[in-house]
Amino acid sequence: MATTQAEHPPAFTPEQLQSVRGTLMSPRRLKTEVLAGLVVALALIPEAIAFSIIAGVDPRIGLFASFTMAVTIAFVGGRPAMISAATGAIALVIAPLVKSHGVDYFIAAVILAGIFQIILGLSGVAKLMRFIPRSVMVGFVNALAILIFMSQVPELLGVPWLVYPLVALGLAIVFGLPKLTKAVPAPLVAIIVLTLITVFAAVAVPTVGDKGELPNSLPTLFIPNVPFSLETLQIIFPFSLAMAFVGLLESLMTAKLVDDVTDTRSHKTREAWGQGVANIVTGFTGGMGGCAMIGQTMINVKASGARTRISTFLAGVFLLILVVALGGIVSVIPMAALVAVMIFVSVATFDWHSIHPRTLKMMPKSETAVMVATVIGTVATHNLAIGVGVGVMVAMVLFARRVAHLVTVERTVTTVGGHETATYVVDGELFFASSNDLYTQFEYALDPNHVVIDMHASHLWDASTIAALDAITEKYHHHGTDVKIIGLNQASTAMRERLGGKLGAGH
């Protein structure tokens, strides 16, 4: 019996699943977004409080930042379903300023960082993402998973023994429930079940309320009380610039990861300046600023199945409602429930395929080295920006070494009319790494009086190569040898005519 189209409606494309209008018209998809936003909001609360403590500010500043960041980025961001809020990386960058100059300078730095991010976004900084190798991206993801797991370890040390069976139950729910049903997010079920157990059984375990006092009022307009002067700019400038770069790097890397998970593309330039707008709004409401959060984003996208801006917006709204109106209920949620959820996120985030023996055997050693360097750099510093920077630098060095060995020089000697001529054919891309060895590839003392260097299979990329060619010709002239360089393409010829003989002697 043939099935009708009504019985098996066509599946939505990944792009259609990101439609806010389409989701609002679908009760099933809307329920997914609402529940995902609720789960993310619950997960944001203890982290926002913890990051506030790292930054040395009142917990309300971190909670208000998470609310304003999530709500604002839901409208102005370029990556649907990505969660932005107060983060540990931003807290680490800005903490010294709080200690030395106080909260007002701290908020001024957040606002200036937002301005920097808008400028960087509009100037095309997002396009630099194309220069981040895949191995760095894999290392970034794996390091994130490790840091998420490590951040939960303190919650498992020096606690009542009942915390451990509660965490085990939570893990059983988040890993096992999706195999039975996906009608409701497993993390939400784990939080509800463990909260009910601890409340009705009167179990004394650490709770969200133990992390800090929750606010009892809404955020209001905040104008930092700092002198509008060059001296103030000199104080906050380095912190704002560091915060802008760290925030953009984490956000753009997270956006790229969500692109892969959802099989969709995001507007990276819009995301870059959108982060700036969100930080400015956050600063003027007394928040500590932030950027994209990989853990909460993975809860939203991977664990809960959200795909639209609705979940991001509701995460912020639910967060405010929970901490202001329902603070008494939220404060009794056991930390064991949130620890179980975050451990699940770390396991789901880690790219296990990247460390499979078959993958390691197949993958070039240089790619694996870059991935490992990124992980080590990130985990050692607890700073994703530094880790990614280390990975990119290692990738550049290894690439330069590999390319440097791809240049070949072949020598032949021919005799025409009793005159010998040595011909060198240079094959490969010549730049600072490969051209440094080019000087040593010629038989200056053994060659006849006529030498031809054929460059038709090569290209000159930089001044280092021009200087190397000058050194080669100078060396031959020192031996009384006539040397002729032929075969340069148009771009290489133009560069040599412009720089040749003007870079100084030597090699």
Protein backbone atom coordinates (compact mmCIF):
# COMPACT_ATOMS: atom_id res chain seq x y z
CA MET A 1 0.00 0.00 0.00
CA ALA A 2 1.44 3.34 -1.07
CA THR A 3 2.03 5.94 1.60
CA THR A 4 0.70 9.44 1.14
CA GLN A 5 2.64 12.66 1.47
CA ALA A 6 0.53 13.57 4.51
CA GLU A 7 1.59 10.38 6.29
CA HIS A 8 5.29 11.10 5.68
CA PRO A 9 5.77 14.85 5.34
CA PRO A 10 9.07 15.97 3.87
CA ALA A 11 11.85 16.56 6.37
CA PHE A 12 12.96 20.10 7.07
CA THR A 13 16.32 21.21 5.76
CA PRO A 14 18.89 22.43 8.34
CA GLU A 15 18.32 26.00 7.13
CA GLN A 16 14.54 25.69 7.54
CA LEU A 17 14.99 24.47 11.11
CA GLN A 18 16.65 27.82 11.91
CA SER A 19 13.55 29.78 10.90
CA VAL A 20 11.94 31.61 13.83
CA ARG A 21 8.63 31.97 11.98
CA GLY A 22 8.54 28.29 11.05
CA THR A 23 9.32 27.28 14.62
CA LEU A 24 6.59 29.52 16.06
CA MET A 25 4.11 27.77 13.75
CA SER A 26 5.23 24.29 14.87
CA PRO A 27 4.24 23.38 18.45
CA ARG A 28 6.70 20.48 18.53
CA ARG A 29 9.68 22.56 17.45
CA LEU A 30 8.64 25.46 19.67
CA LYS A 31 8.48 23.13 22.69
CA THR A 32 12.05 22.03 21.94
CA GLU A 33 13.24 25.64 21.87
CA VAL A 34 11.41 26.57 25.09
CA LEU A 35 12.69 23.57 27.06
CA ALA A 36 16.20 24.07 25.70
CA GLY A 37 16.16 27.69 26.85
CA LEU A 38 15.05 26.60 30.32
CA VAL A 39 17.82 24.00 30.63
CA VAL A 40 20.46 26.50 29.48
CA ALA A 41 19.19 29.11 31.94
CA LEU A 42 19.52 26.65 34.83
CA ALA A 43 23.06 25.77 33.71
CA LEU A 44 24.01 29.44 33.37
CA ILE A 45 23.23 30.39 36.96
CA PRO A 46 26.06 28.65 38.87
CA GLU A 47 28.60 29.43 36.15
CA ALA A 48 27.69 33.13 36.05
CA ILE A 49 28.10 33.27 39.83
CA ALA A 50 31.43 31.42 39.66
CA PHE A 51 32.76 33.72 36.92
CA SER A 52 31.73 36.75 38.97
CA ILE A 53 33.83 35.44 41.83
CA ILE A 54 36.79 34.95 39.45
CA ALA A 55 36.43 38.54 38.25
CA GLY A 56 36.15 39.78 41.83
CA VAL A 57 32.67 41.31 41.47
CA ASP A 58 29.22 40.80 43.00
CA PRO A 59 27.38 37.68 41.62
CA ARG A 60 24.59 39.96 40.38
CA ILE A 61 27.01 41.51 37.87
CA GLY A 62 27.67 38.11 36.28
CA LEU A 63 24.00 37.09 36.32
CA PHE A 64 22.84 40.37 34.77
CA ALA A 65 25.58 40.05 32.13
CA SER A 66 24.37 36.58 31.18
CA PHE A 67 20.78 37.85 30.85
CA THR A 68 21.63 40.90 28.72
CA MET A 69 24.21 39.07 26.57
CA ALA A 70 21.81 36.22 25.73
CA VAL A 71 18.82 38.45 24.98
CA THR A 72 20.79 40.99 22.93
CA ILE A 73 22.74 38.45 20.88
CA ALA A 74 19.48 36.65 20.08
CA PHE A 75 18.58 39.68 17.96
CA VAL A 76 21.91 40.99 16.66
CA GLY A 77 24.09 37.84 16.48
CA GLY A 78 24.93 35.96 13.31
CA ARG A 79 24.76 32.38 14.68
CA PRO A 80 21.26 31.17 15.64
CA ALA A 81 21.02 28.97 18.76
CA MET A 82 24.45 29.99 20.07
CA ILE A 83 24.53 31.10 23.71
CA SER A 84 26.50 34.15 24.82
CA ALA A 85 26.87 35.07 28.47
CA ALA A 86 29.45 35.88 31.15
CA THR A 87 32.47 33.62 30.63
CA GLY A 88 35.55 32.53 32.51
CA ALA A 89 37.96 33.72 29.82
CA ILE A 90 36.59 37.27 29.99
CA ALA A 91 36.64 37.15 33.79
CA LEU A 92 40.31 36.18 33.78
CA VAL A 93 41.22 38.97 31.36
CA ILE A 94 39.38 41.69 33.24
CA ALA A 95 39.95 40.61 36.87
CA PRO A 96 43.22 42.58 37.39
CA LEU A 97 41.43 45.83 36.46
CA VAL A 98 38.71 45.23 39.07
CA LYS A 99 41.36 44.66 41.71
CA SER A 100 43.40 47.74 40.82
CA HIS A 101 40.74 50.33 39.90
CA GLY A 102 37.32 49.05 40.95
CA VAL A 103 34.01 48.20 39.30
CA ASP A 104 33.43 51.51 37.51
CA TYR A 105 36.64 51.23 35.48
CA PHE A 106 35.79 47.57 34.92
CA ILE A 107 32.39 48.44 33.39
CA ALA A 108 33.98 51.22 31.29
CA ALA A 109 36.43 48.65 29.92
CA VAL A 110 33.54 46.33 29.00
CA ILE A 111 31.83 49.12 27.04
CA LEU A 112 35.07 50.04 25.24
CA ALA A 113 35.68 46.35 24.43
CA GLY A 114 32.25 46.26 22.79
CA ILE A 115 33.19 49.28 20.67
CA PHE A 116 36.42 47.56 19.64
CA GLN A 117 34.48 44.42 18.67
CA ILE A 118 32.13 46.41 16.47
CA ILE A 119 35.09 48.05 14.72
CA LEU A 120 36.88 44.71 14.31
CA GLY A 121 33.69 43.05 13.06
CA LEU A 122 32.99 45.73 10.46
CA SER A 123 36.65 45.70 9.35
CA GLY A 124 36.41 42.00 8.44
CA VAL A 125 38.23 40.29 11.32
CA ALA A 126 35.85 37.32 10.97
CA LYS A 127 37.45 36.49 7.62
CA LEU A 128 40.64 35.55 9.48
CA MET A 129 38.84 32.38 10.60
CA ARG A 130 39.73 30.82 7.25
CA PHE A 131 43.38 30.76 8.37
CA ILE A 132 42.66 28.56 11.40
CA PRO A 133 43.50 24.95 10.40
CA ARG A 134 41.11 22.10 11.07
CA SER A 135 43.61 20.51 13.47
CA VAL A 136 43.50 23.66 15.61
CA MET A 137 39.70 23.50 15.56
CA VAL A 138 39.79 19.87 16.72
CA GLY A 139 42.25 20.81 19.47
CA PHE A 140 40.02 23.71 20.49
CA VAL A 141 37.00 21.39 20.82
CA ASN A 142 38.92 18.74 22.75
CA ALA A 143 40.48 21.32 25.08
CA LEU A 144 37.04 22.80 25.70
CA ALA A 145 35.71 19.40 26.66
CA ILE A 146 38.61 18.86 29.05
CA LEU A 147 38.17 22.30 30.65
CA ILE A 148 34.43 21.75 31.08
CA PHE A 149 35.14 18.45 32.83
CA MET A 150 37.94 19.95 34.96
CA SER A 151 35.65 22.78 36.05
CA GLN A 152 33.34 20.20 37.61
CA VAL A 153 36.04 18.43 39.62
CA PRO A 154 35.98 20.96 42.52
CA GLU A 155 32.28 20.20 42.91
CA LEU A 156 33.20 16.56 43.59
CA LEU A 157 35.90 17.18 46.18
CA GLY A 158 35.28 17.58 49.90
CA VAL A 159 31.54 17.05 49.54
CA PRO A 160 29.09 14.70 51.33
CA TRP A 161 29.20 11.15 50.00
CA LEU A 162 25.58 11.42 48.82
CA VAL A 163 26.77 13.76 46.05
CA TYR A 164 28.37 10.84 44.20
CA PRO A 165 25.27 8.61 43.85
CA LEU A 166 23.28 11.71 42.86
CA VAL A 167 25.80 12.54 40.12
CA ALA A 168 25.74 8.90 38.99
CA LEU A 169 21.94 9.00 38.77
CA GLY A 170 22.09 12.26 36.87
CA LEU A 171 24.57 10.77 34.39
CA ALA A 172 22.36 7.71 33.95
CA ILE A 173 19.43 9.98 33.09
CA VAL A 174 21.25 12.27 30.64
CA PHE A 175 22.93 9.37 28.83
CA GLY A 176 20.10 6.86 29.04
CA LEU A 177 16.86 8.83 28.61
CA PRO A 178 17.54 9.89 24.98
CA LYS A 179 17.60 6.19 24.06
CA LEU A 180 14.02 5.86 25.34
CA THR A 181 12.51 9.20 24.36
CA LYS A 182 13.56 12.65 23.13
CA ALA A 183 10.23 14.29 23.95
CA VAL A 184 11.87 16.32 26.72
CA PRO A 185 15.54 17.27 27.15
CA ALA A 186 17.33 14.71 29.31
CA PRO A 187 19.30 17.44 31.19
CA LEU A 188 16.02 19.06 32.32
CA VAL A 189 14.70 15.71 33.55
CA ALA A 190 17.93 15.10 35.47
CA ILE A 191 17.73 18.51 37.15
CA ILE A 192 14.07 18.03 38.15
CA VAL A 193 14.50 14.45 39.40
CA LEU A 194 17.60 15.17 41.49
CA THR A 195 16.05 18.33 42.94
CA LEU A 196 12.90 16.46 43.99
CA ILE A 197 15.00 13.70 45.59
CA THR A 198 17.11 16.11 47.63
CA VAL A 199 14.13 18.21 48.70
CA PHE A 200 11.75 15.43 49.72
CA ALA A 201 14.49 13.27 51.23
CA ALA A 202 15.95 16.32 53.01
CA VAL A 203 19.41 15.44 51.72
CA ALA A 204 22.10 17.92 52.76
CA VAL A 205 24.24 18.47 49.66
CA PRO A 206 25.69 21.61 48.03
CA THR A 207 23.08 23.62 46.12
CA VAL A 208 22.99 26.53 43.69
CA GLY A 209 22.13 28.82 46.61
CA ASP A 210 25.48 27.99 48.21
CA LYS A 211 27.28 29.63 45.27
CA GLY A 212 26.19 33.12 46.15
CA GLU A 213 23.26 35.44 46.75
CA LEU A 214 20.80 35.72 43.89
CA PRO A 215 19.54 39.20 42.88
CA ASN A 216 16.04 40.35 43.85
CA SER A 217 15.65 43.20 41.37
CA LEU A 218 15.92 43.89 37.64
CA PRO A 219 19.05 45.38 36.04
CA THR A 220 18.97 49.17 35.57
CA LEU A 221 20.90 51.72 33.54
CA PHE A 222 24.46 52.03 34.81
CA ILE A 223 26.81 54.85 33.82
CA PRO A 224 30.37 54.14 35.03
CA ASN A 225 31.66 56.91 37.28
CA VAL A 226 35.05 57.47 35.66
CA PRO A 227 36.73 60.63 34.34
CA PHE A 228 36.27 61.01 30.59
CA SER A 229 39.96 61.60 29.97
CA LEU A 230 43.05 60.29 28.21
CA GLU A 231 44.30 58.90 31.52
CA THR A 232 41.18 56.75 31.87
CA LEU A 233 41.62 55.52 28.30
CA GLN A 234 45.24 54.56 29.02
CA ILE A 235 44.09 52.53 32.03
CA ILE A 236 41.28 50.58 30.37
CA PHE A 237 42.62 50.36 26.80
CA PRO A 238 44.82 47.22 27.16
CA PHE A 239 42.12 45.35 29.10
CA SER A 240 39.42 46.31 26.60
CA LEU A 241 41.53 45.29 23.62
CA ALA A 242 42.42 41.93 25.19
CA MET A 243 38.78 41.33 26.09
CA ALA A 244 37.67 42.21 22.54
CA PHE A 245 40.09 39.76 20.92
CA VAL A 246 39.51 36.93 23.39
CA GLY A 247 35.75 37.34 23.14
CA LEU A 248 35.73 37.41 19.35
CA LEU A 249 38.04 34.43 19.04
CA GLU A 250 35.96 32.27 21.39
CA SER A 251 32.71 33.38 19.77
CA LEU A 252 33.84 32.81 16.19
CA MET A 253 35.38 29.44 17.04
CA THR A 254 32.17 28.40 18.81
CA ALA A 255 30.10 29.60 15.85
CA LYS A 256 32.20 27.49 13.53
CA LEU A 257 31.68 24.46 15.77
CA VAL A 258 27.90 24.99 15.79
CA ASP A 259 27.98 25.33 12.01
CA ASP A 260 29.46 21.83 11.84
CA VAL A 261 26.99 20.37 14.36
CA THR A 262 23.92 21.84 12.62
CA ASP A 263 25.16 21.55 9.00
CA THR A 264 24.42 25.24 8.43
CA ARG A 265 26.33 28.43 7.79
CA SER A 266 26.39 31.47 10.04
CA HIS A 267 27.14 35.12 9.38
CA LYS A 268 30.52 35.48 11.11
CA THR A 269 30.85 39.22 10.44
CA ARG A 270 27.43 39.88 11.94
CA GLU A 271 28.32 37.69 14.90
CA ALA A 272 31.52 39.70 15.45
CA TRP A 273 29.87 43.14 15.59
CA GLY A 274 26.84 41.62 17.34
CA GLN A 275 29.10 40.55 20.21
CA GLY A 276 30.24 44.14 20.44
CA VAL A 277 26.68 45.46 20.61
CA ALA A 278 25.83 42.88 23.30
CA ASN A 279 28.83 43.89 25.39
CA ILE A 280 27.94 47.58 25.15
CA VAL A 281 24.36 46.84 26.27
CA THR A 282 25.73 44.64 29.05
CA GLY A 283 28.10 47.35 30.23
CA PHE A 284 25.38 50.00 30.41
CA THR A 285 23.24 47.65 32.54
CA GLY A 286 26.07 46.99 34.99
CA GLY A 287 27.11 43.59 33.61
CA MET A 288 30.60 42.14 33.35
CA GLY A 289 30.48 41.43 29.63
CA GLY A 290 31.08 38.09 27.97
CA CYS A 291 31.11 36.09 24.77
CA ALA A 292 29.86 32.79 23.34
CA MET A 293 29.81 29.86 25.79
CA ILE A 294 30.75 26.51 24.33
CA GLY A 295 29.32 24.41 27.18
CA GLN A 296 25.89 26.05 27.31
CA THR A 297 25.81 26.21 23.52
CA MET A 298 26.37 22.48 23.31
CA ILE A 299 23.61 21.94 25.90
CA ASN A 300 21.33 24.05 23.72
CA VAL A 301 22.24 22.63 20.31
CA LYS A 302 23.47 19.10 20.91
CA ALA A 303 21.80 17.93 24.13
CA SER A 304 18.48 19.77 23.72
CA GLY A 305 18.18 20.00 19.92
CA ALA A 306 17.54 23.76 19.67
CA ARG A 307 18.18 25.46 16.34
CA THR A 308 16.79 29.01 16.46
CA ARG A 309 17.25 32.38 18.15
CA ILE A 310 14.17 31.61 20.26
CA SER A 311 16.14 29.32 22.59
CA THR A 312 18.89 31.93 23.00
CA PHE A 313 16.37 34.65 23.82
CA LEU A 314 14.43 32.45 26.23
CA ALA A 315 17.63 31.34 27.97
CA GLY A 316 18.19 34.96 28.97
CA VAL A 317 14.56 35.59 29.89
CA PHE A 318 14.28 32.39 31.92
CA LEU A 319 17.55 33.21 33.67
CA LEU A 320 16.18 36.56 34.86
CA ILE A 321 12.85 35.05 35.92
CA LEU A 322 14.56 32.21 37.77
CA VAL A 323 16.99 34.34 39.75
CA VAL A 324 14.67 37.28 40.49
CA ALA A 325 11.19 35.78 40.80
CA LEU A 326 11.96 32.15 41.58
CA GLY A 327 15.27 32.50 43.37
CA GLY A 328 14.04 30.49 46.33
CA ILE A 329 13.26 27.49 44.13
CA VAL A 330 16.43 27.75 42.04
CA SER A 331 18.61 27.97 45.14
CA VAL A 332 17.63 24.43 46.24
CA ILE A 333 18.75 22.80 42.96
CA PRO A 334 21.60 20.44 43.90
CA MET A 335 24.93 21.15 42.23
CA ALA A 336 25.14 17.40 41.59
CA ALA A 337 22.46 17.76 38.91
CA LEU A 338 24.36 20.50 37.08
CA VAL A 339 27.64 18.61 37.45
CA ALA A 340 26.07 15.59 35.75
CA VAL A 341 24.79 17.77 32.90
CA MET A 342 28.18 19.44 32.37
CA ILE A 343 30.02 16.10 32.42
CA PHE A 344 27.62 14.89 29.76
CA VAL A 345 28.36 18.02 27.73
CA SER A 346 32.13 17.46 28.03
CA VAL A 347 31.81 13.86 26.81
CA ALA A 348 29.53 14.90 23.94
CA THR A 349 31.82 17.79 22.97
CA PHE A 350 35.08 15.82 22.83
CA ASP A 351 36.02 14.62 19.35
CA TRP A 352 36.69 10.97 20.20
CA HIS A 353 37.35 10.12 16.57
CA SER A 354 40.43 12.39 16.65
CA ILE A 355 42.22 10.16 19.19
CA HIS A 356 41.14 6.79 17.78
CA PRO A 357 44.24 4.65 17.02
CA ARG A 358 43.16 4.26 13.40
CA THR A 359 42.82 8.03 13.02
CA LEU A 360 46.19 8.70 14.67
CA LYS A 361 47.84 6.16 12.39
CA MET A 362 46.30 7.67 9.27
CA MET A 363 46.71 11.34 10.19
CA PRO A 364 49.98 13.15 9.33
CA LYS A 365 52.11 13.57 12.46
CA SER A 366 52.22 17.34 11.95
CA GLU A 367 48.40 17.54 12.11
CA THR A 368 48.35 15.53 15.32
CA ALA A 369 51.13 17.70 16.78
CA VAL A 370 49.11 20.86 16.08
CA MET A 371 46.03 19.37 17.73
CA VAL A 372 47.99 18.30 20.81
CA ALA A 373 49.74 21.69 21.05
CA THR A 374 46.36 23.45 20.98
CA VAL A 375 45.01 21.20 23.73
CA ILE A 376 48.10 21.60 25.93
CA GLY A 377 48.23 25.37 25.44
CA THR A 378 44.56 25.77 26.29
CA VAL A 379 44.45 23.43 29.28
CA ALA A 380 47.72 24.73 30.74
CA THR A 381 46.61 28.38 30.62
CA HIS A 382 42.84 27.89 30.97
CA ASN A 383 42.65 30.43 28.15
CA LEU A 384 41.18 29.35 24.81
CA ALA A 385 42.66 32.34 22.99
CA ILE A 386 46.20 31.45 24.07
CA GLY A 387 45.65 27.78 23.19
CA VAL A 388 44.38 28.61 19.72
CA GLY A 389 47.26 31.04 19.25
CA VAL A 390 49.75 28.32 20.19
CA GLY A 391 48.10 25.89 17.78
CA VAL A 392 48.15 28.36 14.90
CA MET A 393 51.82 29.19 15.52
CA VAL A 394 52.80 25.50 15.60
CA ALA A 395 50.80 24.93 12.41
CA MET A 396 52.58 27.84 10.70
CA VAL A 397 56.03 26.59 11.72
CA LEU A 398 55.35 23.02 10.62
CA PHE A 399 53.82 24.21 7.36
CA ALA A 400 56.81 26.44 6.65
CA ARG A 401 59.20 23.55 7.33
CA ARG A 402 57.22 21.24 5.09
CA VAL A 403 56.98 23.72 2.23
CA ALA A 404 60.66 24.62 2.55
CA HIS A 405 61.60 21.06 1.63
CA LEU A 406 59.37 21.05 -1.46
CA VAL A 407 61.77 23.27 -3.42
CA THR A 408 64.12 21.32 -5.70
CA VAL A 409 67.12 22.48 -7.70
CA GLU A 410 68.36 20.33 -10.63
CA ARG A 411 71.74 20.98 -12.27
CA THR A 412 72.76 20.01 -15.79
CA VAL A 413 75.90 20.93 -17.76
CA THR A 414 75.79 21.24 -21.54
CA THR A 415 78.48 22.06 -24.12
CA VAL A 416 77.64 24.09 -27.22
CA GLY A 417 80.37 25.27 -29.59
CA GLY A 418 83.03 24.41 -27.06
CA HIS A 419 81.40 26.55 -24.37
CA GLU A 420 80.07 24.88 -21.24
CA THR A 421 76.91 26.15 -19.57
CA ALA A 422 75.52 25.02 -16.23
CA THR A 423 71.72 25.20 -16.07
CA TYR A 424 69.83 25.12 -12.77
CA VAL A 425 66.06 24.49 -12.82
CA VAL A 426 64.42 25.73 -9.62
CA ASP A 427 61.05 24.12 -8.87
CA GLY A 428 58.82 25.24 -5.96
CA GLU A 429 57.45 28.19 -4.02
CA LEU A 430 60.19 30.48 -2.75
CA PHE A 431 59.64 32.45 0.44
CA PHE A 432 61.60 33.16 3.63
CA ALA A 433 61.71 29.51 4.76
CA SER A 434 62.63 27.90 1.46
CA SER A 435 64.80 30.66 -0.02
CA ASN A 436 67.25 30.57 2.90
CA ASP A 437 68.42 27.14 1.73
CA LEU A 438 68.43 28.13 -1.95
CA TYR A 439 71.83 29.84 -1.63
CA THR A 440 73.52 26.53 -0.76
CA GLN A 441 72.16 24.61 -3.77
CA PHE A 442 74.71 25.92 -6.31
CA GLU A 443 78.24 24.74 -7.21
CA TYR A 444 79.86 28.15 -7.33
CA ALA A 445 83.49 26.97 -7.53
CA LEU A 446 82.86 24.05 -9.90
CA ASP A 447 80.52 25.67 -12.41
CA PRO A 448 81.75 26.87 -15.85
CA ASN A 449 81.86 30.55 -16.76
CA HIS A 450 78.25 30.60 -17.94
CA VAL A 451 75.37 29.77 -15.60
CA VAL A 452 71.62 29.89 -16.31
CA ILE A 453 69.09 29.78 -13.47
CA ASP A 454 65.71 28.73 -14.87
CA MET A 455 62.83 29.92 -12.62
CA HIS A 456 59.86 29.02 -14.85
CA ALA A 457 58.63 26.41 -12.33
CA SER A 458 58.90 28.66 -9.28
CA HIS A 459 57.43 31.83 -7.81
CA LEU A 460 59.01 34.57 -5.70
CA TRP A 461 56.86 35.51 -2.72
CA ASP A 462 58.87 37.88 -0.55
CA ALA A 463 61.93 40.07 -0.08
CA SER A 464 63.89 37.19 1.48
CA THR A 465 63.84 35.41 -1.88
CA ILE A 466 64.98 38.53 -3.75
CA ALA A 467 67.85 38.91 -1.28
CA ALA A 468 68.78 35.24 -1.78
CA LEU A 469 68.91 35.69 -5.58
CA ASP A 470 71.04 38.82 -5.14
CA ALA A 471 73.42 36.85 -2.92
CA ILE A 472 73.63 34.02 -5.50
CA THR A 473 74.43 36.34 -8.40
CA GLU A 474 76.95 38.26 -6.28
CA LYS A 475 78.67 34.99 -5.35
CA TYR A 476 78.94 33.96 -9.01
CA HIS A 477 80.30 37.38 -9.98
CA HIS A 478 82.91 36.98 -7.23
CA HIS A 479 84.05 33.79 -9.04
CA GLY A 480 84.07 35.60 -12.41
CA THR A 481 81.04 33.67 -13.62
CA ASP A 482 78.38 35.15 -15.90
CA VAL A 483 74.93 34.27 -14.47
CA LYS A 484 71.55 34.77 -16.11
CA ILE A 485 68.18 34.33 -14.44
CA ILE A 486 65.34 33.38 -16.82
CA GLY A 487 61.74 32.18 -16.67
CA LEU A 488 60.41 34.49 -13.95
CA ASN A 489 56.67 35.03 -14.16
CA GLN A 490 55.24 38.54 -14.41
CA ALA A 491 54.65 39.05 -10.68
CA SER A 492 58.08 37.69 -9.73
CA THR A 493 59.76 39.85 -12.39
CA ALA A 494 58.03 42.97 -11.12
CA MET A 495 59.08 42.23 -7.52
CA ARG A 496 62.70 41.61 -8.56
CA GLU A 497 62.84 44.80 -10.62
CA ARG A 498 61.50 46.75 -7.64
CA LEU A 499 63.69 45.22 -4.92
CA GLY A 500 66.66 43.65 -6.68
CA GLY A 501 70.01 45.07 -5.57
CA LYS A 502 68.35 47.29 -2.93
CA LEU A 503 68.26 44.91 0.04
CA GLY A 504 71.92 45.03 1.03
CA ALA A 505 74.78 42.64 0.51
CA GLY A 506 75.27 39.29 2.07
CA HIS A 507 73.12 36.23 2.30
